[in-house]
Amino acid sequence: MHELAITESLVAAVTERLPGRKVTCVQLEIGALSGVVSDSLRFCFDLVTEGTDLEGSTLEITETAAWCRCAACAADFQPDGPFLLCSCGSAEVTVVSGQDLKIAAVRVA
Protein backbone atom coordinates (compact mmCIF):
# COMPACT_ATOMS: atom_id res chain seq x y z
CA MET A 1 0.00 0.00 0.00
CA HIS A 2 1.90 3.04 -1.25
CA GLU A 3 -0.74 5.35 0.23
CA LEU A 4 1.00 5.06 3.62
CA ALA A 5 4.25 6.42 2.16
CA ILE A 6 2.34 9.15 0.34
CA THR A 7 0.58 10.16 3.56
CA GLU A 8 3.85 10.22 5.48
CA SER A 9 5.35 12.49 2.82
CA LEU A 10 2.27 14.70 2.89
CA VAL A 11 2.42 15.15 6.67
CA ALA A 12 6.18 15.77 6.53
CA ALA A 13 5.75 18.43 3.82
CA VAL A 14 3.03 20.27 5.73
CA THR A 15 4.84 20.19 9.08
CA GLU A 16 8.08 21.31 7.42
CA ARG A 17 6.37 24.32 5.82
CA LEU A 18 4.32 25.19 8.91
CA PRO A 19 6.43 24.21 11.94
CA GLY A 20 4.63 24.56 15.25
CA ARG A 21 1.32 25.60 13.62
CA LYS A 22 -1.88 23.70 14.46
CA VAL A 23 -3.28 22.48 11.14
CA THR A 24 -7.06 22.03 10.99
CA CYS A 25 -7.55 20.89 7.39
CA VAL A 26 -5.53 19.67 4.43
CA GLN A 27 -7.08 19.84 0.98
CA LEU A 28 -5.72 17.52 -1.69
CA GLU A 29 -6.34 17.19 -5.40
CA ILE A 30 -5.89 13.68 -6.74
CA GLY A 31 -5.94 12.98 -10.46
CA ALA A 32 -8.06 10.13 -11.79
CA LEU A 33 -4.97 8.48 -13.33
CA SER A 34 -2.66 9.01 -10.32
CA GLY A 35 -3.13 5.47 -9.02
CA VAL A 36 -3.85 6.78 -5.52
CA VAL A 37 -6.84 5.29 -3.68
CA SER A 38 -8.61 8.10 -1.80
CA ASP A 39 -10.15 5.85 0.87
CA SER A 40 -6.77 4.31 1.68
CA LEU A 41 -5.24 7.78 1.93
CA ARG A 42 -7.98 8.85 4.36
CA PHE A 43 -7.38 5.77 6.51
CA CYS A 44 -3.62 6.36 6.61
CA PHE A 45 -4.05 10.08 7.33
CA ASP A 46 -5.56 9.50 10.78
CA LEU A 47 -2.77 7.07 11.69
CA VAL A 48 0.12 9.18 10.41
CA THR A 49 -1.06 12.49 11.89
CA GLU A 50 -1.21 11.06 15.43
CA GLY A 51 1.19 13.02 17.66
CA THR A 52 1.84 15.71 15.03
CA ASP A 53 0.57 19.26 14.50
CA LEU A 54 -1.95 17.73 12.08
CA GLU A 55 -3.57 15.46 14.68
CA GLY A 56 -7.32 15.95 14.65
CA SER A 57 -7.26 17.77 11.31
CA THR A 58 -9.51 16.81 8.43
CA LEU A 59 -8.46 15.63 5.02
CA GLU A 60 -10.54 16.91 2.11
CA ILE A 61 -9.95 15.22 -1.22
CA THR A 62 -11.06 16.44 -4.62
CA GLU A 63 -10.64 13.99 -7.45
CA THR A 64 -9.76 15.71 -10.72
CA ALA A 65 -10.67 14.32 -14.13
CA ALA A 66 -8.17 12.96 -16.59
CA TRP A 67 -7.74 14.50 -20.03
CA CYS A 68 -5.85 13.06 -22.97
CA ARG A 69 -4.94 14.25 -26.44
CA CYS A 70 -4.90 11.93 -29.43
CA ALA A 71 -1.83 12.11 -31.67
CA ALA A 72 -3.75 10.64 -34.61
CA CYS A 73 -6.79 12.95 -34.75
CA ALA A 74 -5.81 15.73 -32.28
CA ALA A 75 -9.00 15.22 -30.24
CA ASP A 76 -9.04 15.98 -26.51
CA PHE A 77 -10.98 13.41 -24.50
CA GLN A 78 -11.58 11.98 -21.05
CA PRO A 79 -10.63 8.30 -20.86
CA ASP A 80 -13.31 5.84 -19.71
CA GLY A 81 -10.88 3.81 -17.63
CA PRO A 82 -7.25 2.79 -17.37
CA PHE A 83 -6.97 2.04 -21.10
CA LEU A 84 -6.26 5.26 -22.93
CA LEU A 85 -7.98 4.85 -26.28
CA CYS A 86 -9.36 7.65 -28.40
CA SER A 87 -12.79 7.25 -29.97
CA CYS A 88 -11.01 7.15 -33.35
CA GLY A 89 -9.41 3.89 -32.21
CA SER A 90 -5.88 5.20 -31.72
CA ALA A 91 -3.81 4.36 -28.65
CA GLU A 92 -1.28 7.07 -29.49
CA VAL A 93 -2.38 9.47 -26.78
CA THR A 94 -0.70 11.89 -24.43
CA VAL A 95 -2.00 12.40 -20.92
CA VAL A 96 -2.60 16.13 -20.50
CA SER A 97 -3.88 16.02 -16.91
CA GLY A 98 -5.07 13.61 -14.27
CA GLN A 99 -1.84 12.06 -13.03
CA ASP A 100 -1.15 14.67 -10.37
CA LEU A 101 -1.38 14.61 -6.60
CA LYS A 102 -1.05 18.01 -4.99
CA ILE A 103 -1.73 19.86 -1.80
CA ALA A 104 -4.30 22.46 -2.83
CA ALA A 105 -4.63 24.24 0.53
CA VAL A 106 -3.87 23.97 4.22
CA ARG A 107 -5.91 25.63 6.96
CA VAL A 108 -4.36 26.51 10.30
CA ALA A 109 -5.97 27.47 13.61
C-alpha atoms as a PDB file:
ATOM      1  CA  MET A   1       0.000   0.000   0.000  1.00  0.00           C
ATOM      2  CA  HIS A   2       1.897   3.039  -1.248  1.00  0.00           C
ATOM      3  CA  GLU A   3      -0.741   5.354   0.226  1.00  0.00           C
ATOM      4  CA  LEU A   4       0.999   5.056   3.621  1.00  0.00           C
ATOM      5  CA  ALA A   5       4.252   6.416   2.162  1.00  0.00           C
ATOM      6  CA  ILE A   6       2.341   9.154   0.336  1.00  0.00           C
ATOM      7  CA  THR A   7       0.575  10.159   3.555  1.00  0.00           C
ATOM      8  CA  GLU A   8       3.853  10.215   5.478  1.00  0.00           C
ATOM      9  CA  SER A   9       5.353  12.486   2.816  1.00  0.00           C
ATOM     10  CA  LEU A  10       2.269  14.700   2.888  1.00  0.00           C
ATOM     11  CA  VAL A  11       2.424  15.148   6.669  1.00  0.00           C
ATOM     12  CA  ALA A  12       6.184  15.775   6.528  1.00  0.00           C
ATOM     13  CA  ALA A  13       5.754  18.431   3.822  1.00  0.00           C
ATOM     14  CA  VAL A  14       3.032  20.274   5.730  1.00  0.00           C
ATOM     15  CA  THR A  15       4.845  20.190   9.077  1.00  0.00           C
ATOM     16  CA  GLU A  16       8.082  21.306   7.416  1.00  0.00           C
ATOM     17  CA  ARG A  17       6.370  24.317   5.819  1.00  0.00           C
ATOM     18  CA  LEU A  18       4.321  25.194   8.914  1.00  0.00           C
ATOM     19  CA  PRO A  19       6.430  24.210  11.938  1.00  0.00           C
ATOM     20  CA  GLY A  20       4.626  24.559  15.253  1.00  0.00           C
ATOM     21  CA  ARG A  21       1.319  25.597  13.619  1.00  0.00           C
ATOM     22  CA  LYS A  22      -1.880  23.702  14.456  1.00  0.00           C
ATOM     23  CA  VAL A  23      -3.277  22.475  11.142  1.00  0.00           C
ATOM     24  CA  THR A  24      -7.057  22.025  10.990  1.00  0.00           C
ATOM     25  CA  CYS A  25      -7.550  20.892   7.393  1.00  0.00           C
ATOM     26  CA  VAL A  26      -5.526  19.666   4.430  1.00  0.00           C
ATOM     27  CA  GLN A  27      -7.078  19.836   0.975  1.00  0.00           C
ATOM     28  CA  LEU A  28      -5.716  17.516  -1.692  1.00  0.00           C
ATOM     29  CA  GLU A  29      -6.338  17.191  -5.398  1.00  0.00           C
ATOM     30  CA  ILE A  30      -5.894  13.683  -6.738  1.00  0.00           C
ATOM     31  CA  GLY A  31      -5.936  12.975 -10.463  1.00  0.00           C
ATOM     32  CA  ALA A  32      -8.060  10.131 -11.794  1.00  0.00           C
ATOM     33  CA  LEU A  33      -4.966   8.478 -13.325  1.00  0.00           C
ATOM     34  CA  SER A  34      -2.663   9.007 -10.324  1.00  0.00           C
ATOM     35  CA  GLY A  35      -3.131   5.473  -9.022  1.00  0.00           C
ATOM     36  CA  VAL A  36      -3.854   6.784  -5.515  1.00  0.00           C
ATOM     37  CA  VAL A  37      -6.842   5.292  -3.680  1.00  0.00           C
ATOM     38  CA  SER A  38      -8.615   8.098  -1.798  1.00  0.00           C
ATOM     39  CA  ASP A  39     -10.151   5.848   0.868  1.00  0.00           C
ATOM     40  CA  SER A  40      -6.766   4.315   1.678  1.00  0.00           C
ATOM     41  CA  LEU A  41      -5.238   7.782   1.928  1.00  0.00           C
ATOM     42  CA  ARG A  42      -7.979   8.854   4.359  1.00  0.00           C
ATOM     43  CA  PHE A  43      -7.385   5.775   6.507  1.00  0.00           C
ATOM     44  CA  CYS A  44      -3.622   6.363   6.610  1.00  0.00           C
ATOM     45  CA  PHE A  45      -4.049  10.081   7.331  1.00  0.00           C
ATOM     46  CA  ASP A  46      -5.556   9.501  10.781  1.00  0.00           C
ATOM     47  CA  LEU A  47      -2.770   7.075  11.686  1.00  0.00           C
ATOM     48  CA  VAL A  48       0.117   9.177  10.412  1.00  0.00           C
ATOM     49  CA  THR A  49      -1.056  12.488  11.890  1.00  0.00           C
ATOM     50  CA  GLU A  50      -1.209  11.061  15.428  1.00  0.00           C
ATOM     51  CA  GLY A  51       1.191  13.015  17.657  1.00  0.00           C
ATOM     52  CA  THR A  52       1.839  15.713  15.028  1.00  0.00           C
ATOM     53  CA  ASP A  53       0.572  19.264  14.500  1.00  0.00           C
ATOM     54  CA  LEU A  54      -1.949  17.729  12.079  1.00  0.00           C
ATOM     55  CA  GLU A  55      -3.565  15.460  14.680  1.00  0.00           C
ATOM     56  CA  GLY A  56      -7.322  15.949  14.649  1.00  0.00           C
ATOM     57  CA  SER A  57      -7.265  17.773  11.313  1.00  0.00           C
ATOM     58  CA  THR A  58      -9.506  16.809   8.434  1.00  0.00           C
ATOM     59  CA  LEU A  59      -8.459  15.626   5.016  1.00  0.00           C
ATOM     60  CA  GLU A  60     -10.544  16.909   2.108  1.00  0.00           C
ATOM     61  CA  ILE A  61      -9.955  15.220  -1.222  1.00  0.00           C
ATOM     62  CA  THR A  62     -11.057  16.444  -4.621  1.00  0.00           C
ATOM     63  CA  GLU A  63     -10.644  13.994  -7.453  1.00  0.00           C
ATOM     64  CA  THR A  64      -9.764  15.705 -10.725  1.00  0.00           C
ATOM     65  CA  ALA A  65     -10.672  14.320 -14.127  1.00  0.00           C
ATOM     66  CA  ALA A  66      -8.169  12.960 -16.590  1.00  0.00           C
ATOM     67  CA  TRP A  67      -7.742  14.501 -20.034  1.00  0.00           C
ATOM     68  CA  CYS A  68      -5.855  13.056 -22.970  1.00  0.00           C
ATOM     69  CA  ARG A  69      -4.936  14.255 -26.444  1.00  0.00           C
ATOM     70  CA  CYS A  70      -4.898  11.932 -29.431  1.00  0.00           C
ATOM     71  CA  ALA A  71      -1.830  12.109 -31.668  1.00  0.00           C
ATOM     72  CA  ALA A  72      -3.754  10.642 -34.610  1.00  0.00           C
ATOM     73  CA  CYS A  73      -6.792  12.949 -34.749  1.00  0.00           C
ATOM     74  CA  ALA A  74      -5.812  15.735 -32.281  1.00  0.00           C
ATOM     75  CA  ALA A  75      -9.002  15.223 -30.237  1.00  0.00           C
ATOM     76  CA  ASP A  76      -9.038  15.978 -26.515  1.00  0.00           C
ATOM     77  CA  PHE A  77     -10.977  13.406 -24.499  1.00  0.00           C
ATOM     78  CA  GLN A  78     -11.582  11.981 -21.052  1.00  0.00           C
ATOM     79  CA  PRO A  79     -10.631   8.298 -20.863  1.00  0.00           C
ATOM     80  CA  ASP A  80     -13.307   5.845 -19.710  1.00  0.00           C
ATOM     81  CA  GLY A  81     -10.877   3.810 -17.626  1.00  0.00           C
ATOM     82  CA  PRO A  82      -7.250   2.790 -17.372  1.00  0.00           C
ATOM     83  CA  PHE A  83      -6.969   2.039 -21.097  1.00  0.00           C
ATOM     84  CA  LEU A  84      -6.261   5.261 -22.929  1.00  0.00           C
ATOM     85  CA  LEU A  85      -7.977   4.851 -26.282  1.00  0.00           C
ATOM     86  CA  CYS A  86      -9.365   7.654 -28.399  1.00  0.00           C
ATOM     87  CA  SER A  87     -12.793   7.249 -29.975  1.00  0.00           C
ATOM     88  CA  CYS A  88     -11.007   7.155 -33.349  1.00  0.00           C
ATOM     89  CA  GLY A  89      -9.410   3.888 -32.213  1.00  0.00           C
ATOM     90  CA  SER A  90      -5.882   5.204 -31.719  1.00  0.00           C
ATOM     91  CA  ALA A  91      -3.809   4.357 -28.652  1.00  0.00           C
ATOM     92  CA  GLU A  92      -1.280   7.070 -29.486  1.00  0.00           C
ATOM     93  CA  VAL A  93      -2.379   9.469 -26.784  1.00  0.00           C
ATOM     94  CA  THR A  94      -0.701  11.895 -24.428  1.00  0.00           C
ATOM     95  CA  VAL A  95      -2.000  12.398 -20.919  1.00  0.00           C
ATOM     96  CA  VAL A  96      -2.603  16.134 -20.499  1.00  0.00           C
ATOM     97  CA  SER A  97      -3.878  16.025 -16.914  1.00  0.00           C
ATOM     98  CA  GLY A  98      -5.068  13.611 -14.273  1.00  0.00           C
ATOM     99  CA  GLN A  99      -1.845  12.061 -13.025  1.00  0.00           C
ATOM    100  CA  ASP A 100      -1.154  14.668 -10.370  1.00  0.00           C
ATOM    101  CA  LEU A 101      -1.384  14.608  -6.602  1.00  0.00           C
ATOM    102  CA  LYS A 102      -1.053  18.008  -4.994  1.00  0.00           C
ATOM    103  CA  ILE A 103      -1.733  19.862  -1.799  1.00  0.00           C
ATOM    104  CA  ALA A 104      -4.304  22.463  -2.831  1.00  0.00           C
ATOM    105  CA  ALA A 105      -4.630  24.240   0.528  1.00  0.00           C
ATOM    106  CA  VAL A 106      -3.867  23.966   4.219  1.00  0.00           C
ATOM    107  CA  ARG A 107      -5.913  25.632   6.961  1.00  0.00           C
ATOM    108  CA  VAL A 108      -4.362  26.508  10.297  1.00  0.00           C
ATOM    109  CA  ALA A 109      -5.970  27.474  13.608  1.00  0.00           C
END
